[in-house]
Amino acid sequence: MNRDHLQREQPLVSFNALEGYYTPNTLQVKGEIHGHMVKILIDMGSTHNFVQTMVVRHLGLSITTAPNFRVLVGNREKLPNEGCIQELKVRIQGTELITDFYVLHLGGT
């Protein structure tokens, strides 16, 4: 693969998801992970599923090793992923979804 292709394929989080802004391409819903209520932002501008480090710690989720890549965020900064939560069960409006989430430190403690 050439370098231009890798740059186009770089995972990213949109500015909307990072800053909590809502546009016609974002939707905020309440969800549940392991019996805990969470706020979920569905953003069509993001390329992957991400979960904040503080949520992972609070819920005691197990992080597995993931390919080391950096995620381009809305302010053009590139953040390293901290691993992956594999096959995380998320319940949204009565529907259970099971998918992988990459862990990112997006602020907070």
PDB file of N, CA and C in Angstrom:
ATOM      1  N   MET A   1       0.834  -1.189   0.000  1.00  0.00           N
ATOM      2  CA  MET A   1       0.000   0.000   0.000  1.00  0.00           C
ATOM      3  C   MET A   1       0.874   1.245   0.000  1.00  0.00           C
ATOM      4  N   ASN A   2       0.418   2.249  -0.704  1.00  0.00           N
ATOM      5  CA  ASN A   2       1.184   3.486  -0.679  1.00  0.00           C
ATOM      6  C   ASN A   2       0.753   4.346   0.506  1.00  0.00           C
ATOM      7  N   ARG A   3       1.551   5.334   0.798  1.00  0.00           N
ATOM      8  CA  ARG A   3       1.326   6.184   1.968  1.00  0.00           C
ATOM      9  C   ARG A   3       0.008   6.950   1.871  1.00  0.00           C
ATOM     10  N   ASP A   4      -0.359   7.431   0.690  1.00  0.00           N
ATOM     11  CA  ASP A   4      -1.616   8.161   0.523  1.00  0.00           C
ATOM     12  C   ASP A   4      -2.800   7.288   0.881  1.00  0.00           C
ATOM     13  N   HIS A   5      -2.758   6.013   0.501  1.00  0.00           N
ATOM     14  CA  HIS A   5      -3.847   5.100   0.833  1.00  0.00           C
ATOM     15  C   HIS A   5      -3.957   4.930   2.346  1.00  0.00           C
ATOM     16  N   LEU A   6      -2.818   4.794   3.029  1.00  0.00           N
ATOM     17  CA  LEU A   6      -2.841   4.644   4.483  1.00  0.00           C
ATOM     18  C   LEU A   6      -3.419   5.877   5.153  1.00  0.00           C
ATOM     19  N   GLN A   7      -3.109   7.051   4.649  1.00  0.00           N
ATOM     20  CA  GLN A   7      -3.642   8.267   5.239  1.00  0.00           C
ATOM     21  C   GLN A   7      -5.149   8.352   5.052  1.00  0.00           C
ATOM     22  N   ARG A   8      -5.660   7.949   3.913  1.00  0.00           N
ATOM     23  CA  ARG A   8      -7.108   7.984   3.683  1.00  0.00           C
ATOM     24  C   ARG A   8      -7.821   6.987   4.585  1.00  0.00           C
ATOM     25  N   GLU A   9      -7.164   5.884   4.901  1.00  0.00           N
ATOM     26  CA  GLU A   9      -7.780   4.840   5.695  1.00  0.00           C
ATOM     27  C   GLU A   9      -7.587   5.032   7.199  1.00  0.00           C
ATOM     28  N   GLN A  10      -6.913   6.112   7.604  1.00  0.00           N
ATOM     29  CA  GLN A  10      -6.626   6.327   9.013  1.00  0.00           C
ATOM     30  C   GLN A  10      -7.926   6.478   9.793  1.00  0.00           C
ATOM     31  N   PRO A  11      -8.066   5.740  10.896  1.00  0.00           N
ATOM     32  CA  PRO A  11      -9.268   5.879  11.713  1.00  0.00           C
ATOM     33  C   PRO A  11      -9.402   7.319  12.192  1.00  0.00           C
ATOM     34  N   LEU A  12     -10.635   7.779  12.295  1.00  0.00           N
ATOM     35  CA  LEU A  12     -10.838   9.128  12.783  1.00  0.00           C
ATOM     36  C   LEU A  12     -12.102   9.217  13.609  1.00  0.00           C
ATOM     37  N   VAL A  13     -12.083  10.205  14.487  1.00  0.00           N
ATOM     38  CA  VAL A  13     -13.252  10.570  15.266  1.00  0.00           C
ATOM     39  C   VAL A  13     -13.597  11.979  14.827  1.00  0.00           C
ATOM     40  N   SER A  14     -14.834  12.221  14.470  1.00  0.00           N
ATOM     41  CA  SER A  14     -15.189  13.551  14.000  1.00  0.00           C
ATOM     42  C   SER A  14     -15.166  14.559  15.133  1.00  0.00           C
ATOM     43  N   PHE A  15     -15.063  15.814  14.766  1.00  0.00           N
ATOM     44  CA  PHE A  15     -15.096  16.894  15.742  1.00  0.00           C
ATOM     45  C   PHE A  15     -16.391  16.843  16.544  1.00  0.00           C
ATOM     46  N   ASN A  16     -17.489  16.498  15.889  1.00  0.00           N
ATOM     47  CA  ASN A  16     -18.775  16.424  16.583  1.00  0.00           C
ATOM     48  C   ASN A  16     -18.746  15.411  17.714  1.00  0.00           C
ATOM     49  N   ALA A  17     -18.182  14.258  17.461  1.00  0.00           N
ATOM     50  CA  ALA A  17     -18.127  13.223  18.494  1.00  0.00           C
ATOM     51  C   ALA A  17     -17.225  13.645  19.639  1.00  0.00           C
ATOM     52  N   LEU A  18     -16.127  14.274  19.336  1.00  0.00           N
ATOM     53  CA  LEU A  18     -15.188  14.702  20.366  1.00  0.00           C
ATOM     54  C   LEU A  18     -15.769  15.780  21.257  1.00  0.00           C
ATOM     55  N   GLU A  19     -16.402  16.753  20.666  1.00  0.00           N
ATOM     56  CA  GLU A  19     -16.874  17.914  21.404  1.00  0.00           C
ATOM     57  C   GLU A  19     -18.312  17.794  21.871  1.00  0.00           C
ATOM     58  N   GLY A  20     -19.014  16.746  21.450  1.00  0.00           N
ATOM     59  CA  GLY A  20     -20.400  16.569  21.879  1.00  0.00           C
ATOM     60  C   GLY A  20     -21.383  17.454  21.132  1.00  0.00           C
ATOM     61  N   TYR A  21     -20.988  17.974  19.970  1.00  0.00           N
ATOM     62  CA  TYR A  21     -21.904  18.776  19.176  1.00  0.00           C
ATOM     63  C   TYR A  21     -22.833  17.850  18.410  1.00  0.00           C
ATOM     64  N   TYR A  22     -24.042  18.302  18.222  1.00  0.00           N
ATOM     65  CA  TYR A  22     -25.025  17.487  17.540  1.00  0.00           C
ATOM     66  C   TYR A  22     -25.409  18.136  16.215  1.00  0.00           C
ATOM     67  N   THR A  23     -25.356  17.347  15.181  1.00  0.00           N
ATOM     68  CA  THR A  23     -25.706  17.800  13.844  1.00  0.00           C
ATOM     69  C   THR A  23     -26.686  16.780  13.283  1.00  0.00           C
ATOM     70  N   PRO A  24     -27.182  17.006  12.081  1.00  0.00           N
ATOM     71  CA  PRO A  24     -28.063  15.984  11.482  1.00  0.00           C
ATOM     72  C   PRO A  24     -27.378  14.624  11.338  1.00  0.00           C
ATOM     73  N   ASN A  25     -26.036  14.573  11.412  1.00  0.00           N
ATOM     74  CA  ASN A  25     -25.310  13.307  11.284  1.00  0.00           C
ATOM     75  C   ASN A  25     -24.981  12.669  12.619  1.00  0.00           C
ATOM     76  N   THR A  26     -25.450  13.245  13.728  1.00  0.00           N
ATOM     77  CA  THR A  26     -25.191  12.674  15.048  1.00  0.00           C
ATOM     78  C   THR A  26     -26.496  12.421  15.771  1.00  0.00           C
ATOM     79  N   LEU A  27     -26.457  11.435  16.631  1.00  0.00           N
ATOM     80  CA  LEU A  27     -27.620  11.078  17.421  1.00  0.00           C
ATOM     81  C   LEU A  27     -27.134  10.645  18.797  1.00  0.00           C
ATOM     82  N   GLN A  28     -27.678  11.245  19.843  1.00  0.00           N
ATOM     83  CA  GLN A  28     -27.325  10.846  21.203  1.00  0.00           C
ATOM     84  C   GLN A  28     -28.453  10.001  21.767  1.00  0.00           C
ATOM     85  N   VAL A  29     -28.106   8.832  22.277  1.00  0.00           N
ATOM     86  CA  VAL A  29     -29.094   7.932  22.863  1.00  0.00           C
ATOM     87  C   VAL A  29     -28.573   7.415  24.196  1.00  0.00           C
ATOM     88  N   LYS A  30     -29.489   6.919  25.012  1.00  0.00           N
ATOM     89  CA  LYS A  30     -29.087   6.263  26.251  1.00  0.00           C
ATOM     90  C   LYS A  30     -28.916   4.790  25.946  1.00  0.00           C
ATOM     91  N   GLY A  31     -27.916   4.222  26.567  1.00  0.00           N
ATOM     92  CA  GLY A  31     -27.655   2.804  26.370  1.00  0.00           C
ATOM     93  C   GLY A  31     -27.270   2.154  27.677  1.00  0.00           C
ATOM     94  N   GLU A  32     -26.943   0.886  27.594  1.00  0.00           N
ATOM     95  CA  GLU A  32     -26.591   0.133  28.788  1.00  0.00           C
ATOM     96  C   GLU A  32     -25.441  -0.813  28.460  1.00  0.00           C
ATOM     97  N   ILE A  33     -24.437  -0.809  29.347  1.00  0.00           N
ATOM     98  CA  ILE A  33     -23.318  -1.742  29.242  1.00  0.00           C
ATOM     99  C   ILE A  33     -23.165  -2.395  30.604  1.00  0.00           C
ATOM    100  N   HIS A  34     -23.265  -3.699  30.657  1.00  0.00           N
ATOM    101  CA  HIS A  34     -23.129  -4.457  31.906  1.00  0.00           C
ATOM    102  C   HIS A  34     -24.018  -3.897  33.019  1.00  0.00           C
ATOM    103  N   GLY A  35     -25.236  -3.517  32.664  1.00  0.00           N
ATOM    104  CA  GLY A  35     -26.190  -3.021  33.647  1.00  0.00           C
ATOM    105  C   GLY A  35     -26.003  -1.563  34.043  1.00  0.00           C
ATOM    106  N   HIS A  36     -25.050  -0.869  33.441  1.00  0.00           N
ATOM    107  CA  HIS A  36     -24.793   0.545  33.748  1.00  0.00           C
ATOM    108  C   HIS A  36     -25.296   1.408  32.601  1.00  0.00           C
ATOM    109  N   MET A  37     -26.014   2.461  32.933  1.00  0.00           N
ATOM    110  CA  MET A  37     -26.491   3.393  31.919  1.00  0.00           C
ATOM    111  C   MET A  37     -25.319   4.218  31.388  1.00  0.00           C
ATOM    112  N   VAL A  38     -25.259   4.369  30.077  1.00  0.00           N
ATOM    113  CA  VAL A  38     -24.211   5.150  29.427  1.00  0.00           C
ATOM    114  C   VAL A  38     -24.840   6.047  28.366  1.00  0.00           C
ATOM    115  N   LYS A  39     -24.143   7.131  28.055  1.00  0.00           N
ATOM    116  CA  LYS A  39     -24.547   8.009  26.972  1.00  0.00           C
ATOM    117  C   LYS A  39     -23.789   7.556  25.733  1.00  0.00           C
ATOM    118  N   ILE A  40     -24.500   7.358  24.640  1.00  0.00           N
ATOM    119  CA  ILE A  40     -23.894   6.891  23.394  1.00  0.00           C
ATOM    120  C   ILE A  40     -24.129   7.942  22.323  1.00  0.00           C
ATOM    121  N   LEU A  41     -23.059   8.339  21.661  1.00  0.00           N
ATOM    122  CA  LEU A  41     -23.165   9.280  20.552  1.00  0.00           C
ATOM    123  C   LEU A  41     -22.908   8.504  19.270  1.00  0.00           C
ATOM    124  N   ILE A  42     -23.903   8.440  18.445  1.00  0.00           N
ATOM    125  CA  ILE A  42     -23.778   7.785  17.147  1.00  0.00           C
ATOM    126  C   ILE A  42     -23.465   8.887  16.155  1.00  0.00           C
ATOM    127  N   ASP A  43     -22.296   8.794  15.517  1.00  0.00           N
ATOM    128  CA  ASP A  43     -21.812   9.862  14.645  1.00  0.00           C
ATOM    129  C   ASP A  43     -21.385   9.272  13.320  1.00  0.00           C
ATOM    130  N   MET A  44     -22.035   9.684  12.270  1.00  0.00           N
ATOM    131  CA  MET A  44     -21.720   9.165  10.937  1.00  0.00           C
ATOM    132  C   MET A  44     -20.352   9.621  10.453  1.00  0.00           C
ATOM    133  N   GLY A  45     -19.712  10.594  11.150  1.00  0.00           N
ATOM    134  CA  GLY A  45     -18.402  11.078  10.742  1.00  0.00           C
ATOM    135  C   GLY A  45     -17.249  10.277  11.306  1.00  0.00           C
ATOM    136  N   SER A  46     -17.519   9.327  12.183  1.00  0.00           N
ATOM    137  CA  SER A  46     -16.466   8.492  12.761  1.00  0.00           C
ATOM    138  C   SER A  46     -16.353   7.196  11.968  1.00  0.00           C
ATOM    139  N   THR A  47     -15.135   6.655  11.903  1.00  0.00           N
ATOM    140  CA  THR A  47     -14.920   5.465  11.081  1.00  0.00           C
ATOM    141  C   THR A  47     -14.998   4.158  11.859  1.00  0.00           C
ATOM    142  N   HIS A  48     -14.823   4.214  13.173  1.00  0.00           N
ATOM    143  CA  HIS A  48     -14.811   3.029  14.007  1.00  0.00           C
ATOM    144  C   HIS A  48     -15.644   3.295  15.259  1.00  0.00           C
ATOM    145  N   ASN A  49     -15.780   2.282  16.089  1.00  0.00           N
ATOM    146  CA  ASN A  49     -16.447   2.444  17.378  1.00  0.00           C
ATOM    147  C   ASN A  49     -15.389   2.717  18.434  1.00  0.00           C
ATOM    148  N   PHE A  50     -15.652   3.723  19.259  1.00  0.00           N
ATOM    149  CA  PHE A  50     -14.697   4.099  20.289  1.00  0.00           C
ATOM    150  C   PHE A  50     -15.401   4.200  21.627  1.00  0.00           C
ATOM    151  N   VAL A  51     -14.638   3.913  22.674  1.00  0.00           N
ATOM    152  CA  VAL A  51     -15.134   4.065  24.038  1.00  0.00           C
ATOM    153  C   VAL A  51     -14.052   4.804  24.820  1.00  0.00           C
ATOM    154  N   GLN A  52     -14.485   5.697  25.694  1.00  0.00           N
ATOM    155  CA  GLN A  52     -13.536   6.483  26.470  1.00  0.00           C
ATOM    156  C   GLN A  52     -12.872   5.633  27.543  1.00  0.00           C
ATOM    157  N   THR A  53     -11.609   5.929  27.804  1.00  0.00           N
ATOM    158  CA  THR A  53     -10.843   5.230  28.835  1.00  0.00           C
ATOM    159  C   THR A  53     -11.550   5.268  30.182  1.00  0.00           C
ATOM    160  N   MET A  54     -12.113   6.427  30.547  1.00  0.00           N
ATOM    161  CA  MET A  54     -12.752   6.542  31.863  1.00  0.00           C
ATOM    162  C   MET A  54     -13.970   5.626  31.977  1.00  0.00           C
ATOM    163  N   VAL A  55     -14.681   5.381  30.894  1.00  0.00           N
ATOM    164  CA  VAL A  55     -15.817   4.459  30.920  1.00  0.00           C
ATOM    165  C   VAL A  55     -15.317   3.033  31.115  1.00  0.00           C
ATOM    166  N   VAL A  56     -14.237   2.686  30.398  1.00  0.00           N
ATOM    167  CA  VAL A  56     -13.651   1.349  30.513  1.00  0.00           C
ATOM    168  C   VAL A  56     -13.223   1.082  31.957  1.00  0.00           C
ATOM    169  N   ARG A  57     -12.559   2.045  32.563  1.00  0.00           N
ATOM    170  CA  ARG A  57     -12.108   1.889  33.955  1.00  0.00           C
ATOM    171  C   ARG A  57     -13.280   1.782  34.911  1.00  0.00           C
ATOM    172  N   HIS A  58     -14.263   2.663  34.748  1.00  0.00           N
ATOM    173  CA  HIS A  58     -15.421   2.673  35.644  1.00  0.00           C
ATOM    174  C   HIS A  58     -16.185   1.347  35.602  1.00  0.00           C
ATOM    175  N   LEU A  59     -16.304   0.780  34.412  1.00  0.00           N
ATOM    176  CA  LEU A  59     -17.053  -0.464  34.256  1.00  0.00           C
ATOM    177  C   LEU A  59     -16.198  -1.713  34.440  1.00  0.00           C
ATOM    178  N   GLY A  60     -14.880  -1.526  34.584  1.00  0.00           N
ATOM    179  CA  GLY A  60     -13.990  -2.671  34.782  1.00  0.00           C
ATOM    180  C   GLY A  60     -13.912  -3.579  33.567  1.00  0.00           C
ATOM    181  N   LEU A  61     -13.955  -2.999  32.380  1.00  0.00           N
ATOM    182  CA  LEU A  61     -13.908  -3.792  31.152  1.00  0.00           C
ATOM    183  C   LEU A  61     -12.479  -4.242  30.860  1.00  0.00           C
ATOM    184  N   SER A  62     -12.352  -5.398  30.259  1.00  0.00           N
ATOM    185  CA  SER A  62     -11.042  -5.953  29.930  1.00  0.00           C
ATOM    186  C   SER A  62     -10.590  -5.465  28.562  1.00  0.00           C
ATOM    187  N   ILE A  63      -9.408  -4.855  28.546  1.00  0.00           N
ATOM    188  CA  ILE A  63      -8.834  -4.359  27.298  1.00  0.00           C
ATOM    189  C   ILE A  63      -7.907  -5.424  26.735  1.00  0.00           C
ATOM    190  N   THR A  64      -8.072  -5.717  25.452  1.00  0.00           N
ATOM    191  CA  THR A  64      -7.167  -6.641  24.776  1.00  0.00           C
ATOM    192  C   THR A  64      -6.240  -5.835  23.868  1.00  0.00           C
ATOM    193  N   THR A  65      -5.133  -6.424  23.527  1.00  0.00           N
ATOM    194  CA  THR A  65      -4.173  -5.777  22.642  1.00  0.00           C
ATOM    195  C   THR A  65      -4.797  -5.604  21.263  1.00  0.00           C
ATOM    196  N   ALA A  66      -4.545  -4.455  20.677  1.00  0.00           N
ATOM    197  CA  ALA A  66      -5.058  -4.167  19.334  1.00  0.00           C
ATOM    198  C   ALA A  66      -3.899  -3.643  18.494  1.00  0.00           C
ATOM    199  N   PRO A  67      -4.057  -3.686  17.185  1.00  0.00           N
ATOM    200  CA  PRO A  67      -3.016  -3.088  16.345  1.00  0.00           C
ATOM    201  C   PRO A  67      -2.762  -1.653  16.799  1.00  0.00           C
ATOM    202  N   ASN A  68      -1.501  -1.277  16.851  1.00  0.00           N
ATOM    203  CA  ASN A  68      -1.133   0.055  17.308  1.00  0.00           C
ATOM    204  C   ASN A  68      -1.346   1.043  16.177  1.00  0.00           C
ATOM    205  N   PHE A  69      -2.368   1.864  16.301  1.00  0.00           N
ATOM    206  CA  PHE A  69      -2.608   2.915  15.315  1.00  0.00           C
ATOM    207  C   PHE A  69      -3.029   4.176  16.044  1.00  0.00           C
ATOM    208  N   ARG A  70      -2.919   5.271  15.344  1.00  0.00           N
ATOM    209  CA  ARG A  70      -3.326   6.556  15.908  1.00  0.00           C
ATOM    210  C   ARG A  70      -4.637   6.971  15.247  1.00  0.00           C
ATOM    211  N   VAL A  71      -5.458   7.652  16.023  1.00  0.00           N
ATOM    212  CA  VAL A  71      -6.768   8.073  15.549  1.00  0.00           C
ATOM    213  C   VAL A  71      -6.753   9.586  15.361  1.00  0.00           C
ATOM    214  N   LEU A  72      -7.083  10.022  14.179  1.00  0.00           N
ATOM    215  CA  LEU A  72      -7.153  11.441  13.882  1.00  0.00           C
ATOM    216  C   LEU A  72      -8.448  11.986  14.462  1.00  0.00           C
ATOM    217  N   VAL A  73      -8.319  12.942  15.387  1.00  0.00           N
ATOM    218  CA  VAL A  73      -9.504  13.514  16.026  1.00  0.00           C
ATOM    219  C   VAL A  73      -9.789  14.893  15.442  1.00  0.00           C
ATOM    220  N   GLY A  74     -10.912  15.456  15.815  1.00  0.00           N
ATOM    221  CA  GLY A  74     -11.425  16.678  15.214  1.00  0.00           C
ATOM    222  C   GLY A  74     -10.479  17.856  15.211  1.00  0.00           C
ATOM    223  N   ASN A  75      -9.609  17.968  16.215  1.00  0.00           N
ATOM    224  CA  ASN A  75      -8.684  19.104  16.256  1.00  0.00           C
ATOM    225  C   ASN A  75      -7.386  18.802  15.508  1.00  0.00           C
ATOM    226  N   ARG A  76      -7.373  17.739  14.715  1.00  0.00           N
ATOM    227  CA  ARG A  76      -6.250  17.279  13.886  1.00  0.00           C
ATOM    228  C   ARG A  76      -5.155  16.591  14.695  1.00  0.00           C
ATOM    229  N   GLU A  77      -5.365  16.403  15.994  1.00  0.00           N
ATOM    230  CA  GLU A  77      -4.408  15.667  16.826  1.00  0.00           C
ATOM    231  C   GLU A  77      -4.568  14.177  16.536  1.00  0.00           C
ATOM    232  N   LYS A  78      -3.477  13.435  16.680  1.00  0.00           N
ATOM    233  CA  LYS A  78      -3.520  11.988  16.478  1.00  0.00           C
ATOM    234  C   LYS A  78      -3.309  11.315  17.829  1.00  0.00           C
ATOM    235  N   LEU A  79      -4.347  10.610  18.300  1.00  0.00           N
ATOM    236  CA  LEU A  79      -4.294   9.945  19.592  1.00  0.00           C
ATOM    237  C   LEU A  79      -4.049   8.451  19.412  1.00  0.00           C
ATOM    238  N   PRO A  80      -3.197   7.854  20.246  1.00  0.00           N
ATOM    239  CA  PRO A  80      -2.989   6.401  20.162  1.00  0.00           C
ATOM    240  C   PRO A  80      -4.181   5.662  20.764  1.00  0.00           C
ATOM    241  N   ASN A  81      -4.527   4.538  20.169  1.00  0.00           N
ATOM    242  CA  ASN A  81      -5.553   3.718  20.817  1.00  0.00           C
ATOM    243  C   ASN A  81      -4.889   2.980  21.966  1.00  0.00           C
ATOM    244  N   GLU A  82      -5.675   2.641  22.962  1.00  0.00           N
ATOM    245  CA  GLU A  82      -5.153   1.971  24.145  1.00  0.00           C
ATOM    246  C   GLU A  82      -5.524   0.493  24.178  1.00  0.00           C
ATOM    247  N   GLY A  83      -5.995  -0.011  23.057  1.00  0.00           N
ATOM    248  CA  GLY A  83      -6.408  -1.403  22.978  1.00  0.00           C
ATOM    249  C   GLY A  83      -7.835  -1.500  22.480  1.00  0.00           C
ATOM    250  N   CYS A  84      -8.433  -2.657  22.700  1.00  0.00           N
ATOM    251  CA  CYS A  84      -9.759  -2.925  22.169  1.00  0.00           C
ATOM    252  C   CYS A  84     -10.598  -3.664  23.200  1.00  0.00           C
ATOM    253  N   ILE A  85     -11.861  -3.330  23.258  1.00  0.00           N
ATOM    254  CA  ILE A  85     -12.838  -4.118  24.011  1.00  0.00           C
ATOM    255  C   ILE A  85     -13.537  -4.962  22.951  1.00  0.00           C
ATOM    256  N   GLN A  86     -13.263  -6.249  22.967  1.00  0.00           N
ATOM    257  CA  GLN A  86     -13.809  -7.120  21.930  1.00  0.00           C
ATOM    258  C   GLN A  86     -15.191  -7.613  22.307  1.00  0.00           C
ATOM    259  N   GLU A  87     -16.054  -7.637  21.306  1.00  0.00           N
ATOM    260  CA  GLU A  87     -17.410  -8.164  21.437  1.00  0.00           C
ATOM    261  C   GLU A  87     -18.128  -7.601  22.662  1.00  0.00           C
ATOM    262  N   LEU A  88     -18.100  -6.281  22.792  1.00  0.00           N
ATOM    263  CA  LEU A  88     -18.782  -5.603  23.887  1.00  0.00           C
ATOM    264  C   LEU A  88     -20.281  -5.596  23.604  1.00  0.00           C
ATOM    265  N   LYS A  89     -21.062  -5.991  24.593  1.00  0.00           N
ATOM    266  CA  LYS A  89     -22.520  -5.988  24.460  1.00  0.00           C
ATOM    267  C   LYS A  89     -23.046  -4.641  24.916  1.00  0.00           C
ATOM    268  N   VAL A  90     -23.728  -3.967  23.996  1.00  0.00           N
ATOM    269  CA  VAL A  90     -24.331  -2.667  24.270  1.00  0.00           C
ATOM    270  C   VAL A  90     -25.816  -2.786  23.963  1.00  0.00           C
ATOM    271  N   ARG A  91     -26.639  -2.355  24.899  1.00  0.00           N
ATOM    272  CA  ARG A  91     -28.089  -2.387  24.680  1.00  0.00           C
ATOM    273  C   ARG A  91     -28.551  -0.960  24.428  1.00  0.00           C
ATOM    274  N   ILE A  92     -29.210  -0.771  23.280  1.00  0.00           N
ATOM    275  CA  ILE A  92     -29.755   0.529  22.905  1.00  0.00           C
ATOM    276  C   ILE A  92     -31.232   0.341  22.582  1.00  0.00           C
ATOM    277  N   GLN A  93     -32.074   1.014  23.341  1.00  0.00           N
ATOM    278  CA  GLN A  93     -33.521   0.957  23.138  1.00  0.00           C
ATOM    279  C   GLN A  93     -34.020  -0.475  22.975  1.00  0.00           C
ATOM    280  N   GLY A  94     -33.572  -1.347  23.863  1.00  0.00           N
ATOM    281  CA  GLY A  94     -34.035  -2.724  23.876  1.00  0.00           C
ATOM    282  C   GLY A  94     -33.343  -3.655  22.898  1.00  0.00           C
ATOM    283  N   THR A  95     -32.466  -3.123  22.072  1.00  0.00           N
ATOM    284  CA  THR A  95     -31.761  -3.941  21.093  1.00  0.00           C
ATOM    285  C   THR A  95     -30.325  -4.125  21.540  1.00  0.00           C
ATOM    286  N   GLU A  96     -29.876  -5.377  21.589  1.00  0.00           N
ATOM    287  CA  GLU A  96     -28.508  -5.667  21.999  1.00  0.00           C
ATOM    288  C   GLU A  96     -27.600  -5.750  20.779  1.00  0.00           C
ATOM    289  N   LEU A  97     -26.518  -4.981  20.831  1.00  0.00           N
ATOM    290  CA  LEU A  97     -25.514  -5.004  19.782  1.00  0.00           C
ATOM    291  C   LEU A  97     -24.229  -5.554  20.373  1.00  0.00           C
ATOM    292  N   ILE A  98     -23.514  -6.346  19.614  1.00  0.00           N
ATOM    293  CA  ILE A  98     -22.229  -6.880  20.054  1.00  0.00           C
ATOM    294  C   ILE A  98     -21.201  -6.509  18.994  1.00  0.00           C
ATOM    295  N   THR A  99     -20.226  -5.702  19.397  1.00  0.00           N
ATOM    296  CA  THR A  99     -19.212  -5.241  18.449  1.00  0.00           C
ATOM    297  C   THR A  99     -17.947  -4.850  19.198  1.00  0.00           C
ATOM    298  N   ASP A 100     -16.870  -4.613  18.470  1.00  0.00           N
ATOM    299  CA  ASP A 100     -15.599  -4.207  19.061  1.00  0.00           C
ATOM    300  C   ASP A 100     -15.548  -2.685  19.194  1.00  0.00           C
ATOM    301  N   PHE A 101     -14.918  -2.215  20.275  1.00  0.00           N
ATOM    302  CA  PHE A 101     -14.721  -0.792  20.520  1.00  0.00           C
ATOM    303  C   PHE A 101     -13.252  -0.555  20.814  1.00  0.00           C
ATOM    304  N   TYR A 102     -12.649   0.428  20.138  1.00  0.00           N
ATOM    305  CA  TYR A 102     -11.276   0.817  20.448  1.00  0.00           C
ATOM    306  C   TYR A 102     -11.304   1.818  21.590  1.00  0.00           C
ATOM    307  N   VAL A 103     -10.320   1.721  22.463  1.00  0.00           N
ATOM    308  CA  VAL A 103     -10.249   2.561  23.661  1.00  0.00           C
ATOM    309  C   VAL A 103      -9.411   3.791  23.355  1.00  0.00           C
ATOM    310  N   LEU A 104      -9.992   4.966  23.629  1.00  0.00           N
ATOM    311  CA  LEU A 104      -9.295   6.237  23.425  1.00  0.00           C
ATOM    312  C   LEU A 104      -9.419   7.093  24.672  1.00  0.00           C
ATOM    313  N   HIS A 105      -8.338   7.777  25.009  1.00  0.00           N
ATOM    314  CA  HIS A 105      -8.380   8.738  26.103  1.00  0.00           C
ATOM    315  C   HIS A 105      -8.815  10.076  25.524  1.00  0.00           C
ATOM    316  N   LEU A 106     -10.081  10.425  25.747  1.00  0.00           N
ATOM    317  CA  LEU A 106     -10.636  11.649  25.172  1.00  0.00           C
ATOM    318  C   LEU A 106     -10.850  12.725  26.213  1.00  0.00           C
ATOM    319  N   GLY A 107     -10.225  12.599  27.364  1.00  0.00           N
ATOM    320  CA  GLY A 107     -10.398  13.581  28.428  1.00  0.00           C
ATOM    321  C   GLY A 107     -11.050  12.938  29.621  1.00  0.00           C
ATOM    322  N   GLY A 108     -11.134  13.684  30.698  1.00  0.00           N
ATOM    323  CA  GLY A 108     -11.655  13.122  31.938  1.00  0.00           C
ATOM    324  C   GLY A 108     -10.572  12.341  32.638  1.00  0.00           C
ATOM    325  N   THR A 109     -10.957  11.660  33.700  1.00  0.00           N
ATOM    326  CA  THR A 109      -9.969  10.912  34.482  1.00  0.00           C
ATOM    327  C   THR A 109     -10.237   9.433  34.427  1.00  0.00           C
TER     328      THR A 109
END
